[in-house]
């Protein structure tokens, strides 16, 4: 994350079958940082999605609660929580 930019206000997750992309978003909607991982929902052992998410977000060292919006296959029947 660049130190000259605004504070993070949201994390967006696009979690597909074969990869996971995380976006750190500032208060004005600007992209502060992103992370890509090959931890798609079908590669997560024992469906321990929380452990993967914690590992992926850990480098940002966020010191407060920031909303996380998850989309993609993570909301499918094979994902963390199926949504309509």
PDB file of N, CA and C in Angstrom:
ATOM      1  N   UNK A   1       0.841  -1.169   0.000  1.00  0.00           N
ATOM      2  CA  UNK A   1       0.000   0.000   0.000  1.00  0.00           C
ATOM      3  C   UNK A   1       0.887   1.234   0.000  1.00  0.00           C
ATOM      4  N   UNK A   2       0.555   2.199  -0.821  1.00  0.00           N
ATOM      5  CA  UNK A   2       1.308   3.440  -0.880  1.00  0.00           C
ATOM      6  C   UNK A   2       0.943   4.332   0.297  1.00  0.00           C
ATOM      7  N   UNK A   3       1.955   4.890   0.960  1.00  0.00           N
ATOM      8  CA  UNK A   3       1.701   5.675   2.158  1.00  0.00           C
ATOM      9  C   UNK A   3       1.056   7.020   1.869  1.00  0.00           C
ATOM     10  N   UNK A   4       1.180   7.552   0.656  1.00  0.00           N
ATOM     11  CA  UNK A   4       0.633   8.853   0.330  1.00  0.00           C
ATOM     12  C   UNK A   4      -0.835   8.837  -0.030  1.00  0.00           C
ATOM     13  N   UNK A   5      -1.468   7.708  -0.036  1.00  0.00           N
ATOM     14  CA  UNK A   5      -2.869   7.616  -0.439  1.00  0.00           C
ATOM     15  C   UNK A   5      -3.775   7.598   0.777  1.00  0.00           C
ATOM     16  N   UNK A   6      -5.072   7.634   0.525  1.00  0.00           N
ATOM     17  CA  UNK A   6      -6.046   7.682   1.610  1.00  0.00           C
ATOM     18  C   UNK A   6      -6.079   6.372   2.391  1.00  0.00           C
ATOM     19  N   UNK A   7      -6.769   6.424   3.505  1.00  0.00           N
ATOM     20  CA  UNK A   7      -6.906   5.259   4.363  1.00  0.00           C
ATOM     21  C   UNK A   7      -7.847   4.227   3.732  1.00  0.00           C
ATOM     22  N   UNK A   8      -7.589   2.954   3.950  1.00  0.00           N
ATOM     23  CA  UNK A   8      -8.485   1.905   3.449  1.00  0.00           C
ATOM     24  C   UNK A   8      -9.862   2.005   4.083  1.00  0.00           C
ATOM     25  N   UNK A   9     -10.904   1.751   3.278  1.00  0.00           N
ATOM     26  CA  UNK A   9     -12.260   1.776   3.831  1.00  0.00           C
ATOM     27  C   UNK A   9     -13.065   0.535   3.465  1.00  0.00           C
ATOM     28  N   UNK A  10     -12.549  -0.298   2.565  1.00  0.00           N
ATOM     29  CA  UNK A  10     -13.289  -1.464   2.090  1.00  0.00           C
ATOM     30  C   UNK A  10     -12.320  -2.465   1.473  1.00  0.00           C
ATOM     31  N   UNK A  11     -12.636  -3.739   1.642  1.00  0.00           N
ATOM     32  CA  UNK A  11     -11.900  -4.796   0.950  1.00  0.00           C
ATOM     33  C   UNK A  11     -12.895  -5.508   0.052  1.00  0.00           C
ATOM     34  N   UNK A  12     -12.578  -5.603  -1.216  1.00  0.00           N
ATOM     35  CA  UNK A  12     -13.393  -6.340  -2.168  1.00  0.00           C
ATOM     36  C   UNK A  12     -12.700  -7.640  -2.520  1.00  0.00           C
ATOM     37  N   UNK A  13     -13.434  -8.735  -2.493  1.00  0.00           N
ATOM     38  CA  UNK A  13     -12.882 -10.057  -2.794  1.00  0.00           C
ATOM     39  C   UNK A  13     -13.614 -10.625  -4.006  1.00  0.00           C
ATOM     40  N   UNK A  14     -12.859 -11.024  -5.003  1.00  0.00           N
ATOM     41  CA  UNK A  14     -13.384 -11.755  -6.151  1.00  0.00           C
ATOM     42  C   UNK A  14     -12.757 -13.140  -6.071  1.00  0.00           C
ATOM     43  N   UNK A  15     -13.511 -14.095  -5.567  1.00  0.00           N
ATOM     44  CA  UNK A  15     -12.976 -15.429  -5.252  1.00  0.00           C
ATOM     45  C   UNK A  15     -13.616 -16.435  -6.187  1.00  0.00           C
ATOM     46  N   UNK A  16     -12.845 -16.861  -7.155  1.00  0.00           N
ATOM     47  CA  UNK A  16     -13.342 -17.775  -8.161  1.00  0.00           C
ATOM     48  C   UNK A  16     -12.964 -19.218  -7.897  1.00  0.00           C
ATOM     49  N   UNK A  17     -13.193 -20.037  -8.887  1.00  0.00           N
ATOM     50  CA  UNK A  17     -12.895 -21.467  -8.795  1.00  0.00           C
ATOM     51  C   UNK A  17     -11.399 -21.730  -8.710  1.00  0.00           C
ATOM     52  N   UNK A  18     -10.610 -20.957  -9.459  1.00  0.00           N
ATOM     53  CA  UNK A  18      -9.173 -21.235  -9.528  1.00  0.00           C
ATOM     54  C   UNK A  18      -8.281 -20.152  -8.942  1.00  0.00           C
ATOM     55  N   UNK A  19      -8.827 -19.003  -8.565  1.00  0.00           N
ATOM     56  CA  UNK A  19      -7.984 -17.949  -7.993  1.00  0.00           C
ATOM     57  C   UNK A  19      -8.796 -17.023  -7.097  1.00  0.00           C
ATOM     58  N   UNK A  20      -8.066 -16.229  -6.350  1.00  0.00           N
ATOM     59  CA  UNK A  20      -8.652 -15.264  -5.424  1.00  0.00           C
ATOM     60  C   UNK A  20      -7.976 -13.922  -5.685  1.00  0.00           C
ATOM     61  N   UNK A  21      -8.776 -12.878  -5.798  1.00  0.00           N
ATOM     62  CA  UNK A  21      -8.253 -11.533  -5.975  1.00  0.00           C
ATOM     63  C   UNK A  21      -8.846 -10.653  -4.883  1.00  0.00           C
ATOM     64  N   UNK A  22      -7.987  -9.940  -4.187  1.00  0.00           N
ATOM     65  CA  UNK A  22      -8.428  -9.053  -3.113  1.00  0.00           C
ATOM     66  C   UNK A  22      -8.032  -7.628  -3.473  1.00  0.00           C
ATOM     67  N   UNK A  23      -8.931  -6.695  -3.214  1.00  0.00           N
ATOM     68  CA  UNK A  23      -8.715  -5.288  -3.549  1.00  0.00           C
ATOM     69  C   UNK A  23      -8.916  -4.441  -2.298  1.00  0.00           C
ATOM     70  N   UNK A  24      -7.934  -3.623  -1.987  1.00  0.00           N
ATOM     71  CA  UNK A  24      -8.029  -2.684  -0.877  1.00  0.00           C
ATOM     72  C   UNK A  24      -8.453  -1.345  -1.460  1.00  0.00           C
ATOM     73  N   UNK A  25      -9.601  -0.845  -1.016  1.00  0.00           N
ATOM     74  CA  UNK A  25     -10.232   0.324  -1.616  1.00  0.00           C
ATOM     75  C   UNK A  25     -10.263   1.473  -0.611  1.00  0.00           C
ATOM     76  N   UNK A  26      -9.949   2.675  -1.094  1.00  0.00           N
ATOM     77  CA  UNK A  26      -9.960   3.863  -0.255  1.00  0.00           C
ATOM     78  C   UNK A  26     -11.342   4.482  -0.161  1.00  0.00           C
ATOM     79  N   UNK A  27     -11.447   5.518   0.650  1.00  0.00           N
ATOM     80  CA  UNK A  27     -12.723   6.175   0.929  1.00  0.00           C
ATOM     81  C   UNK A  27     -13.361   6.798  -0.302  1.00  0.00           C
ATOM     82  N   UNK A  28     -12.571   7.180  -1.280  1.00  0.00           N
ATOM     83  CA  UNK A  28     -13.101   7.778  -2.502  1.00  0.00           C
ATOM     84  C   UNK A  28     -13.259   6.757  -3.634  1.00  0.00           C
ATOM     85  N   UNK A  29     -13.128   5.480  -3.296  1.00  0.00           N
ATOM     86  CA  UNK A  29     -13.293   4.418  -4.281  1.00  0.00           C
ATOM     87  C   UNK A  29     -12.028   4.088  -5.049  1.00  0.00           C
ATOM     88  N   UNK A  30     -10.912   4.682  -4.662  1.00  0.00           N
ATOM     89  CA  UNK A  30      -9.653   4.432  -5.370  1.00  0.00           C
ATOM     90  C   UNK A  30      -9.022   3.113  -4.909  1.00  0.00           C
ATOM     91  N   UNK A  31      -8.365   2.446  -5.841  1.00  0.00           N
ATOM     92  CA  UNK A  31      -7.680   1.192  -5.550  1.00  0.00           C
ATOM     93  C   UNK A  31      -6.354   1.512  -4.870  1.00  0.00           C
ATOM     94  N   UNK A  32      -6.195   1.071  -3.635  1.00  0.00           N
ATOM     95  CA  UNK A  32      -4.975   1.311  -2.881  1.00  0.00           C
ATOM     96  C   UNK A  32      -3.958   0.200  -3.084  1.00  0.00           C
ATOM     97  N   UNK A  33      -4.451  -1.032  -3.206  1.00  0.00           N
ATOM     98  CA  UNK A  33      -3.566  -2.183  -3.370  1.00  0.00           C
ATOM     99  C   UNK A  33      -4.413  -3.364  -3.808  1.00  0.00           C
ATOM    100  N   UNK A  34      -3.743  -4.391  -4.299  1.00  0.00           N
ATOM    101  CA  UNK A  34      -4.441  -5.615  -4.657  1.00  0.00           C
ATOM    102  C   UNK A  34      -3.538  -6.802  -4.383  1.00  0.00           C
ATOM    103  N   UNK A  35      -4.170  -7.949  -4.232  1.00  0.00           N
ATOM    104  CA  UNK A  35      -3.452  -9.187  -3.982  1.00  0.00           C
ATOM    105  C   UNK A  35      -4.088 -10.277  -4.825  1.00  0.00           C
ATOM    106  N   UNK A  36      -3.258 -11.082  -5.457  1.00  0.00           N
ATOM    107  CA  UNK A  36      -3.722 -12.207  -6.265  1.00  0.00           C
ATOM    108  C   UNK A  36      -3.144 -13.493  -5.693  1.00  0.00           C
ATOM    109  N   UNK A  37      -3.965 -14.521  -5.603  1.00  0.00           N
ATOM    110  CA  UNK A  37      -3.515 -15.808  -5.079  1.00  0.00           C
ATOM    111  C   UNK A  37      -4.158 -16.932  -5.878  1.00  0.00           C
ATOM    112  N   UNK A  38      -3.466 -18.045  -5.950  1.00  0.00           N
ATOM    113  CA  UNK A  38      -3.966 -19.221  -6.665  1.00  0.00           C
ATOM    114  C   UNK A  38      -4.788 -20.105  -5.731  1.00  0.00           C
ATOM    115  N   UNK A  39      -5.524 -19.487  -4.823  1.00  0.00           N
ATOM    116  CA  UNK A  39      -6.324 -20.202  -3.831  1.00  0.00           C
ATOM    117  C   UNK A  39      -7.798 -20.147  -4.195  1.00  0.00           C
ATOM    118  N   UNK A  40      -8.135 -20.643  -5.371  1.00  0.00           N
ATOM    119  CA  UNK A  40      -9.538 -20.717  -5.744  1.00  0.00           C
ATOM    120  C   UNK A  40     -10.298 -21.652  -4.820  1.00  0.00           C
ATOM    121  N   UNK A  41     -11.612 -21.577  -4.861  1.00  0.00           N
ATOM    122  CA  UNK A  41     -12.402 -22.367  -3.908  1.00  0.00           C
ATOM    123  C   UNK A  41     -12.163 -23.861  -4.024  1.00  0.00           C
ATOM    124  N   UNK A  42     -11.759 -24.323  -5.184  1.00  0.00           N
ATOM    125  CA  UNK A  42     -11.532 -25.755  -5.356  1.00  0.00           C
ATOM    126  C   UNK A  42     -10.147 -26.190  -4.867  1.00  0.00           C
ATOM    127  N   UNK A  43      -9.272 -25.233  -4.503  1.00  0.00           N
ATOM    128  CA  UNK A  43      -7.930 -25.549  -4.002  1.00  0.00           C
ATOM    129  C   UNK A  43      -7.800 -25.392  -2.489  1.00  0.00           C
ATOM    130  N   UNK A  44      -8.869 -25.036  -1.811  1.00  0.00           N
ATOM    131  CA  UNK A  44      -8.809 -24.786  -0.369  1.00  0.00           C
ATOM    132  C   UNK A  44      -9.042 -26.086   0.391  1.00  0.00           C
ATOM    133  N   UNK A  45      -8.017 -26.574   1.107  1.00  0.00           N
ATOM    134  CA  UNK A  45      -8.173 -27.821   1.857  1.00  0.00           C
ATOM    135  C   UNK A  45      -9.251 -27.698   2.934  1.00  0.00           C
ATOM    136  N   UNK A  46     -10.092 -28.703   3.026  1.00  0.00           N
ATOM    137  CA  UNK A  46     -11.150 -28.784   4.043  1.00  0.00           C
ATOM    138  C   UNK A  46     -12.069 -27.566   4.047  1.00  0.00           C
ATOM    139  N   UNK A  47     -12.126 -26.856   2.915  1.00  0.00           N
ATOM    140  CA  UNK A  47     -12.976 -25.659   2.796  1.00  0.00           C
ATOM    141  C   UNK A  47     -12.730 -24.654   3.930  1.00  0.00           C
ATOM    142  N   UNK A  48     -11.458 -24.535   4.337  1.00  0.00           N
ATOM    143  CA  UNK A  48     -11.093 -23.597   5.400  1.00  0.00           C
ATOM    144  C   UNK A  48     -10.860 -22.215   4.781  1.00  0.00           C
ATOM    145  N   UNK A  49     -11.949 -21.626   4.289  1.00  0.00           N
ATOM    146  CA  UNK A  49     -11.882 -20.351   3.582  1.00  0.00           C
ATOM    147  C   UNK A  49     -11.413 -19.215   4.488  1.00  0.00           C
ATOM    148  N   UNK A  50     -11.802 -19.256   5.748  1.00  0.00           N
ATOM    149  CA  UNK A  50     -11.397 -18.194   6.665  1.00  0.00           C
ATOM    150  C   UNK A  50      -9.876 -18.131   6.799  1.00  0.00           C
ATOM    151  N   UNK A  51      -9.214 -19.280   6.923  1.00  0.00           N
ATOM    152  CA  UNK A  51      -7.757 -19.303   7.055  1.00  0.00           C
ATOM    153  C   UNK A  51      -7.084 -18.722   5.820  1.00  0.00           C
ATOM    154  N   UNK A  52      -7.610 -19.035   4.641  1.00  0.00           N
ATOM    155  CA  UNK A  52      -7.048 -18.497   3.402  1.00  0.00           C
ATOM    156  C   UNK A  52      -7.236 -16.984   3.356  1.00  0.00           C
ATOM    157  N   UNK A  53      -8.414 -16.517   3.702  1.00  0.00           N
ATOM    158  CA  UNK A  53      -8.680 -15.084   3.672  1.00  0.00           C
ATOM    159  C   UNK A  53      -7.772 -14.339   4.646  1.00  0.00           C
ATOM    160  N   UNK A  54      -7.610 -14.845   5.838  1.00  0.00           N
ATOM    161  CA  UNK A  54      -6.722 -14.223   6.825  1.00  0.00           C
ATOM    162  C   UNK A  54      -5.298 -14.161   6.283  1.00  0.00           C
ATOM    163  N   UNK A  55      -4.817 -15.241   5.688  1.00  0.00           N
ATOM    164  CA  UNK A  55      -3.457 -15.274   5.140  1.00  0.00           C
ATOM    165  C   UNK A  55      -3.277 -14.263   4.015  1.00  0.00           C
ATOM    166  N   UNK A  56      -4.259 -14.164   3.130  1.00  0.00           N
ATOM    167  CA  UNK A  56      -4.164 -13.255   1.988  1.00  0.00           C
ATOM    168  C   UNK A  56      -4.194 -11.784   2.429  1.00  0.00           C
ATOM    169  N   UNK A  57      -5.000 -11.478   3.453  1.00  0.00           N
ATOM    170  CA  UNK A  57      -5.133 -10.094   3.902  1.00  0.00           C
ATOM    171  C   UNK A  57      -4.062  -9.683   4.907  1.00  0.00           C
ATOM    172  N   UNK A  58      -3.371 -10.621   5.500  1.00  0.00           N
ATOM    173  CA  UNK A  58      -2.398 -10.340   6.557  1.00  0.00           C
ATOM    174  C   UNK A  58      -1.327  -9.331   6.140  1.00  0.00           C
ATOM    175  N   UNK A  59      -0.765  -9.370   4.941  1.00  0.00           N
ATOM    176  CA  UNK A  59       0.283  -8.394   4.585  1.00  0.00           C
ATOM    177  C   UNK A  59      -0.160  -6.935   4.678  1.00  0.00           C
ATOM    178  N   UNK A  60      -1.444  -6.671   4.609  1.00  0.00           N
ATOM    179  CA  UNK A  60      -1.923  -5.289   4.695  1.00  0.00           C
ATOM    180  C   UNK A  60      -1.898  -4.769   6.125  1.00  0.00           C
ATOM    181  N   UNK A  61      -1.765  -5.645   7.100  1.00  0.00           N
ATOM    182  CA  UNK A  61      -1.657  -5.257   8.505  1.00  0.00           C
ATOM    183  C   UNK A  61      -2.693  -4.200   8.896  1.00  0.00           C
ATOM    184  N   UNK A  62      -3.927  -4.466   8.572  1.00  0.00           N
ATOM    185  CA  UNK A  62      -5.006  -3.530   8.876  1.00  0.00           C
ATOM    186  C   UNK A  62      -5.255  -3.505  10.373  1.00  0.00           C
ATOM    187  N   UNK A  63      -5.342  -2.315  10.936  1.00  0.00           N
ATOM    188  CA  UNK A  63      -5.451  -2.184  12.385  1.00  0.00           C
ATOM    189  C   UNK A  63      -6.863  -1.865  12.856  1.00  0.00           C
ATOM    190  N   UNK A  64      -7.839  -1.987  11.973  1.00  0.00           N
ATOM    191  CA  UNK A  64      -9.221  -1.745  12.378  1.00  0.00           C
ATOM    192  C   UNK A  64     -10.143  -2.618  11.541  1.00  0.00           C
ATOM    193  N   UNK A  65     -11.368  -2.677  11.947  1.00  0.00           N
ATOM    194  CA  UNK A  65     -12.336  -3.471  11.190  1.00  0.00           C
ATOM    195  C   UNK A  65     -12.720  -2.739   9.922  1.00  0.00           C
ATOM    196  N   UNK A  66     -12.552  -3.398   8.809  1.00  0.00           N
ATOM    197  CA  UNK A  66     -12.909  -2.849   7.506  1.00  0.00           C
ATOM    198  C   UNK A  66     -13.893  -3.814   6.860  1.00  0.00           C
ATOM    199  N   UNK A  67     -14.984  -3.311   6.290  1.00  0.00           N
ATOM    200  CA  UNK A  67     -15.944  -4.209   5.635  1.00  0.00           C
ATOM    201  C   UNK A  67     -15.280  -5.001   4.506  1.00  0.00           C
ATOM    202  N   UNK A  68     -15.689  -6.260   4.397  1.00  0.00           N
ATOM    203  CA  UNK A  68     -15.198  -7.143   3.335  1.00  0.00           C
ATOM    204  C   UNK A  68     -16.409  -7.608   2.532  1.00  0.00           C
ATOM    205  N   UNK A  69     -16.371  -7.355   1.229  1.00  0.00           N
ATOM    206  CA  UNK A  69     -17.432  -7.803   0.334  1.00  0.00           C
ATOM    207  C   UNK A  69     -16.863  -8.912  -0.534  1.00  0.00           C
ATOM    208  N   UNK A  70     -17.471 -10.097  -0.438  1.00  0.00           N
ATOM    209  CA  UNK A  70     -16.993 -11.259  -1.194  1.00  0.00           C
ATOM    210  C   UNK A  70     -17.954 -11.541  -2.346  1.00  0.00           C
ATOM    211  N   UNK A  71     -17.381 -11.826  -3.509  1.00  0.00           N
ATOM    212  CA  UNK A  71     -18.190 -12.167  -4.680  1.00  0.00           C
ATOM    213  C   UNK A  71     -17.500 -13.281  -5.453  1.00  0.00           C
ATOM    214  N   UNK A  72     -18.203 -13.798  -6.427  1.00  0.00           N
ATOM    215  CA  UNK A  72     -17.658 -14.875  -7.243  1.00  0.00           C
ATOM    216  C   UNK A  72     -18.119 -16.232  -6.747  1.00  0.00           C
ATOM    217  N   UNK A  73     -17.344 -17.244  -7.026  1.00  0.00           N
ATOM    218  CA  UNK A  73     -17.713 -18.615  -6.683  1.00  0.00           C
ATOM    219  C   UNK A  73     -17.697 -18.884  -5.181  1.00  0.00           C
ATOM    220  N   UNK A  74     -17.130 -17.983  -4.397  1.00  0.00           N
ATOM    221  CA  UNK A  74     -17.152 -18.154  -2.946  1.00  0.00           C
ATOM    222  C   UNK A  74     -18.590 -18.141  -2.423  1.00  0.00           C
ATOM    223  N   UNK A  75     -19.509 -17.570  -3.210  1.00  0.00           N
ATOM    224  CA  UNK A  75     -20.923 -17.534  -2.808  1.00  0.00           C
ATOM    225  C   UNK A  75     -21.733 -18.640  -3.481  1.00  0.00           C
ATOM    226  N   UNK A  76     -21.044 -19.622  -4.037  1.00  0.00           N
ATOM    227  CA  UNK A  76     -21.730 -20.747  -4.691  1.00  0.00           C
ATOM    228  C   UNK A  76     -21.948 -21.888  -3.701  1.00  0.00           C
ATOM    229  N   UNK A  77     -22.587 -22.924  -4.152  1.00  0.00           N
ATOM    230  CA  UNK A  77     -22.832 -24.113  -3.331  1.00  0.00           C
ATOM    231  C   UNK A  77     -21.523 -24.721  -2.829  1.00  0.00           C
ATOM    232  N   UNK A  78     -20.461 -24.633  -3.631  1.00  0.00           N
ATOM    233  CA  UNK A  78     -19.160 -25.197  -3.239  1.00  0.00           C
ATOM    234  C   UNK A  78     -18.320 -24.197  -2.444  1.00  0.00           C
ATOM    235  N   UNK A  79     -18.797 -22.977  -2.266  1.00  0.00           N
ATOM    236  CA  UNK A  79     -18.035 -21.934  -1.602  1.00  0.00           C
ATOM    237  C   UNK A  79     -18.310 -21.859  -0.108  1.00  0.00           C
ATOM    238  N   UNK A  80     -18.033 -20.691   0.441  1.00  0.00           N
ATOM    239  CA  UNK A  80     -18.142 -20.441   1.871  1.00  0.00           C
ATOM    240  C   UNK A  80     -19.601 -20.397   2.323  1.00  0.00           C
ATOM    241  N   UNK A  81     -20.404 -19.619   1.598  1.00  0.00           N
ATOM    242  CA  UNK A  81     -21.808 -19.485   1.931  1.00  0.00           C
ATOM    243  C   UNK A  81     -22.593 -19.269   0.641  1.00  0.00           C
ATOM    244  N   UNK A  82     -23.484 -20.193   0.330  1.00  0.00           N
ATOM    245  CA  UNK A  82     -24.276 -20.072  -0.894  1.00  0.00           C
ATOM    246  C   UNK A  82     -25.290 -18.943  -0.760  1.00  0.00           C
ATOM    247  N   UNK A  83     -25.303 -18.079  -1.757  1.00  0.00           N
ATOM    248  CA  UNK A  83     -26.275 -16.991  -1.783  1.00  0.00           C
ATOM    249  C   UNK A  83     -27.103 -17.091  -3.059  1.00  0.00           C
ATOM    250  N   UNK A  84     -28.345 -16.640  -2.995  1.00  0.00           N
ATOM    251  CA  UNK A  84     -29.206 -16.727  -4.189  1.00  0.00           C
ATOM    252  C   UNK A  84     -28.730 -15.815  -5.311  1.00  0.00           C
TER     253      UNK A  84
END
